[in-house]
């Protein structure tokens, strides 16, 4: 049974304001939705990322508007260092707990209206670590604003998935050893040496 658990498909859940849906990353900004993609053209060519970025360097953030009203309102993007340690659990209410948002900010794109339906900004990350993205857009006619908050990591995080691969290979080898009689032969040899 343990081996079957290792071979079972892994289910990935979205976090923060970005959710993976049908191989697309969708960001929910209040009533608005947009396709959200990050590129690292210097190191990863045209590879798309939803949130976590594999390396520091130039990163292109793209919001392709799915909600038509986003074309009529100014959208802003702020990226801050994760000074609260919220990682993937960052939420809009966490922002009120940050004493100095400006000091934590590493990038800020003031509100800009994109009639073509594609918001694009570039930021060069100099340091690995956890960051929080904050996308804000106002309602087109009411006096209210909507915010999406998502935590993401830049750079490698420890060993990645390799310990799990190694553990899986060891489990397969152990199961083979037991099922082929290797354990029984080893126990017999141990008893014979006593």
Protein backbone atom coordinates (compact mmCIF):
# COMPACT_ATOMS: atom_id res chain seq x y z
CA UNK A 1 0.00 0.00 0.00
CA UNK A 2 2.87 2.40 0.85
CA UNK A 3 4.33 2.03 -2.64
CA UNK A 4 0.96 2.77 -4.21
CA UNK A 5 0.74 6.01 -2.23
CA UNK A 6 4.07 7.09 -3.72
CA UNK A 7 2.85 6.39 -7.24
CA UNK A 8 -0.53 8.14 -6.82
CA UNK A 9 -1.03 11.37 -8.76
CA UNK A 10 -0.21 14.56 -6.91
CA UNK A 11 -3.02 17.11 -6.58
CA UNK A 12 -1.93 20.74 -6.65
CA UNK A 13 -4.11 23.43 -5.11
CA UNK A 14 -3.77 27.12 -5.89
CA UNK A 15 -3.09 29.58 -3.13
CA UNK A 16 -3.57 33.25 -2.52
CA UNK A 17 -5.25 35.12 -5.36
CA UNK A 18 -3.90 32.87 -8.13
CA UNK A 19 -5.47 29.50 -8.95
CA UNK A 20 -4.39 26.94 -11.55
CA UNK A 21 -7.41 26.14 -13.71
CA UNK A 22 -7.27 23.99 -16.87
CA UNK A 23 -3.49 24.54 -17.18
CA UNK A 24 -4.00 28.32 -16.94
CA UNK A 25 -3.25 30.53 -13.99
CA UNK A 26 -6.27 32.63 -13.11
CA UNK A 27 -6.08 35.56 -10.72
CA UNK A 28 -9.27 36.70 -8.99
CA UNK A 29 -9.26 40.42 -8.18
CA UNK A 30 -12.59 40.83 -6.42
CA UNK A 31 -15.19 40.61 -9.21
CA UNK A 32 -12.51 40.64 -11.93
CA UNK A 33 -10.59 37.72 -13.39
CA UNK A 34 -7.44 37.66 -15.49
CA UNK A 35 -5.04 35.09 -16.90
CA UNK A 36 -1.84 35.51 -14.87
CA UNK A 37 1.60 34.53 -16.16
CA UNK A 38 5.19 35.28 -15.20
CA UNK A 39 8.10 34.84 -17.61
CA UNK A 40 11.85 34.90 -17.01
CA UNK A 41 13.07 35.60 -20.55
CA UNK A 42 16.79 35.79 -19.71
CA UNK A 43 16.97 32.35 -18.13
CA UNK A 44 13.82 30.40 -19.07
CA UNK A 45 12.93 31.72 -22.56
CA UNK A 46 9.16 31.45 -23.00
CA UNK A 47 8.47 29.08 -20.09
CA UNK A 48 5.40 30.21 -18.13
CA UNK A 49 5.12 30.35 -14.35
CA UNK A 50 2.02 30.84 -12.20
CA UNK A 51 3.73 32.11 -9.10
CA UNK A 52 7.00 30.60 -7.89
CA UNK A 53 10.01 31.62 -9.97
CA UNK A 54 13.03 29.32 -10.29
CA UNK A 55 15.67 32.06 -10.34
CA UNK A 56 16.42 35.68 -9.61
CA UNK A 57 16.73 38.13 -12.49
CA UNK A 58 14.37 39.80 -14.91
CA UNK A 59 10.75 38.70 -14.55
CA UNK A 60 7.86 39.76 -16.76
CA UNK A 61 4.42 39.79 -15.07
CA UNK A 62 1.48 39.58 -17.48
CA UNK A 63 -2.23 39.92 -16.75
CA UNK A 64 -4.43 39.14 -19.75
CA UNK A 65 -7.85 40.46 -18.81
CA UNK A 66 -10.70 37.95 -18.90
CA UNK A 67 -13.21 40.38 -17.40
CA UNK A 68 -14.01 43.12 -19.97
CA UNK A 69 -14.40 45.88 -17.33
CA UNK A 70 -10.71 45.60 -16.43
CA UNK A 71 -9.99 47.48 -19.68
CA UNK A 72 -11.89 50.46 -18.28
CA UNK A 73 -10.10 50.78 -14.92
CA UNK A 74 -6.51 51.47 -13.82
CA UNK A 75 -4.72 48.40 -12.40
CA UNK A 76 -1.69 48.54 -10.11
CA UNK A 77 0.85 45.95 -9.03
CA UNK A 78 2.99 46.06 -5.90
CA UNK A 79 5.56 43.43 -4.91
CA UNK A 80 6.77 43.39 -1.32
CA UNK A 81 9.18 41.26 0.66
CA UNK A 82 7.27 38.78 2.82
CA UNK A 83 8.14 40.55 6.08
CA UNK A 84 5.43 38.64 7.98
CA UNK A 85 6.55 35.17 6.90
CA UNK A 86 3.11 34.31 5.46
CA UNK A 87 4.55 32.49 2.39
CA UNK A 88 1.71 30.97 0.33
CA UNK A 89 -0.84 31.94 2.97
CA UNK A 90 -0.59 35.70 2.40
CA UNK A 91 -4.03 37.36 2.45
CA UNK A 92 -5.36 40.92 2.06
CA UNK A 93 -5.90 41.28 5.82
CA UNK A 94 -2.17 40.66 6.38
CA UNK A 95 -1.33 43.93 4.64
CA UNK A 96 -2.79 45.95 7.54
CA UNK A 97 -0.27 44.27 9.88
CA UNK A 98 2.73 45.62 7.94
CA UNK A 99 4.04 48.73 9.71
CA UNK A 100 5.74 50.29 6.68
CA UNK A 101 4.46 48.99 3.34
CA UNK A 102 6.77 51.34 1.42
CA UNK A 103 9.85 49.97 3.18
CA UNK A 104 8.82 46.39 2.31
CA UNK A 105 8.10 47.28 -1.34
CA UNK A 106 10.59 46.07 -3.95
CA UNK A 107 8.50 47.06 -6.98
CA UNK A 108 5.52 49.30 -7.59
CA UNK A 109 3.62 49.94 -10.82
CA UNK A 110 1.23 52.86 -10.23
CA UNK A 111 -2.32 52.43 -11.54
CA UNK A 112 -2.41 52.24 -15.32
CA UNK A 113 -5.30 51.61 -17.67
CA UNK A 114 -4.67 49.08 -20.46
CA UNK A 115 -7.33 49.30 -23.15
CA UNK A 116 -5.70 46.46 -25.12
CA UNK A 117 -6.52 44.08 -22.25
CA UNK A 118 -2.95 43.09 -21.35
CA UNK A 119 -1.14 44.51 -18.31
CA UNK A 120 2.62 43.87 -18.48
CA UNK A 121 5.41 44.94 -16.14
CA UNK A 122 9.00 43.85 -15.67
CA UNK A 123 10.95 43.64 -12.42
CA UNK A 124 14.47 42.37 -11.80
CA UNK A 125 14.68 40.29 -8.60
CA UNK A 126 18.09 40.64 -6.99
CA UNK A 127 17.48 38.33 -4.03
CA UNK A 128 15.97 34.90 -3.53
CA UNK A 129 13.19 34.54 -0.99
CA UNK A 130 9.49 34.95 -0.33
CA UNK A 131 7.54 37.85 -1.80
CA UNK A 132 3.93 38.97 -1.85
CA UNK A 133 2.24 40.24 -4.99
CA UNK A 134 -0.61 42.72 -4.59
CA UNK A 135 -2.87 43.53 -7.55
CA UNK A 136 -5.44 46.29 -7.05
CA UNK A 137 -8.22 47.51 -9.34
CA UNK A 138 -11.16 49.84 -8.63
CA UNK A 139 -14.79 49.21 -9.51
CA UNK A 140 -15.69 51.08 -12.75
CA UNK A 141 -18.58 53.03 -11.22
CA UNK A 142 -18.75 52.41 -7.46
CA UNK A 143 -16.44 53.85 -4.83
CA UNK A 144 -14.72 50.55 -4.00
CA UNK A 145 -11.50 48.80 -4.83
CA UNK A 146 -10.61 45.11 -5.19
CA UNK A 147 -7.34 43.47 -4.21
CA UNK A 148 -5.72 40.10 -4.93
CA UNK A 149 -2.81 39.02 -2.74
CA UNK A 150 -0.56 36.06 -3.45
CA UNK A 151 2.66 34.80 -1.90
CA UNK A 152 5.40 33.45 -4.16
CA UNK A 153 9.00 32.34 -3.91
CA UNK A 154 11.91 33.47 -6.08
CA UNK A 155 14.87 31.11 -6.46
CA UNK A 156 15.43 27.55 -5.40
CA UNK A 157 14.03 26.23 -2.14
CA UNK A 158 16.36 23.68 -0.61
CA UNK A 159 16.53 20.31 -2.29
CA UNK A 160 13.25 20.64 -4.20
CA UNK A 161 11.60 17.33 -5.06
CA UNK A 162 14.80 15.23 -5.22
CA UNK A 163 14.54 13.81 -1.66
CA UNK A 164 11.07 12.50 -2.58
CA UNK A 165 12.42 10.89 -5.75
CA UNK A 166 15.22 9.25 -3.78
CA UNK A 167 12.80 8.08 -1.09
CA UNK A 168 10.52 6.61 -3.78
CA UNK A 169 13.40 4.76 -5.41
CA UNK A 170 14.50 3.38 -2.03
CA UNK A 171 10.94 2.23 -1.31
CA UNK A 172 10.75 0.44 -4.68
CA UNK A 173 14.13 -1.21 -4.07
CA UNK A 174 13.11 -2.29 -0.55
CA UNK A 175 9.83 -3.75 -1.81
CA UNK A 176 11.68 -5.67 -4.53
CA UNK A 177 14.22 -6.96 -1.99
CA UNK A 178 11.47 -8.21 0.34
CA UNK A 179 9.27 -9.70 -2.41
CA UNK A 180 12.19 -11.52 -4.10
CA UNK A 181 13.16 -13.25 -0.85
CA UNK A 182 16.20 -11.10 -0.08
CA UNK A 183 14.96 -10.24 3.41
CA UNK A 184 14.23 -13.89 4.21
CA UNK A 185 17.74 -14.93 3.03
CA UNK A 186 19.32 -12.11 5.05
CA UNK A 187 17.44 -13.14 8.22
CA UNK A 188 18.50 -16.77 7.69
CA UNK A 189 22.12 -15.67 7.29
CA UNK A 190 21.89 -13.58 10.47
CA UNK A 191 20.51 -16.52 12.44
CA UNK A 192 23.27 -18.76 11.05
CA UNK A 193 25.98 -16.34 12.28
CA UNK A 194 24.72 -16.46 15.88
